Amino acid sequence: MSTTWTAVLVASLISYGLKLSGYLVPARLLQHPVAARIAPLLPAALLAALVVVQTFSAGARLTVDARVVGLAVAALALVLRAPFLVVVVAAAATAALVRAAGWG
């Protein structure tokens, strides 16, 4: 088996183990007022962190390229209340055009 498949299987087992360990958390911890306030905010925070990492990194380096322009267009489309598909297509098209123009 290749090292890639080994890594995929190990990551899958770890992920499943983490999900399974959630059942071991006592209910009193989940019902705590702080946990109840924070839990709904976690998905948005994690998604924002993922967007920032994917936009501003290239390997271990910080970078500014066409993805930043695409993100700016996506943010503008969201402010203008465009449908999600329009936001994604506009951002991707903008990044592609900026790359075709020679930047990034």
Foldseek 3Di string as FASTA:
>chain_A
DDPVVVVVVVVVVVVVVVVVCVVVDDVVVCPPPVNVVCVVVVVVVVVVVVLCCVQQDDVPDGHHWLLVVLVVQLVVCVVVVHDPVCSVVSSVVSSVVRVVVPTD
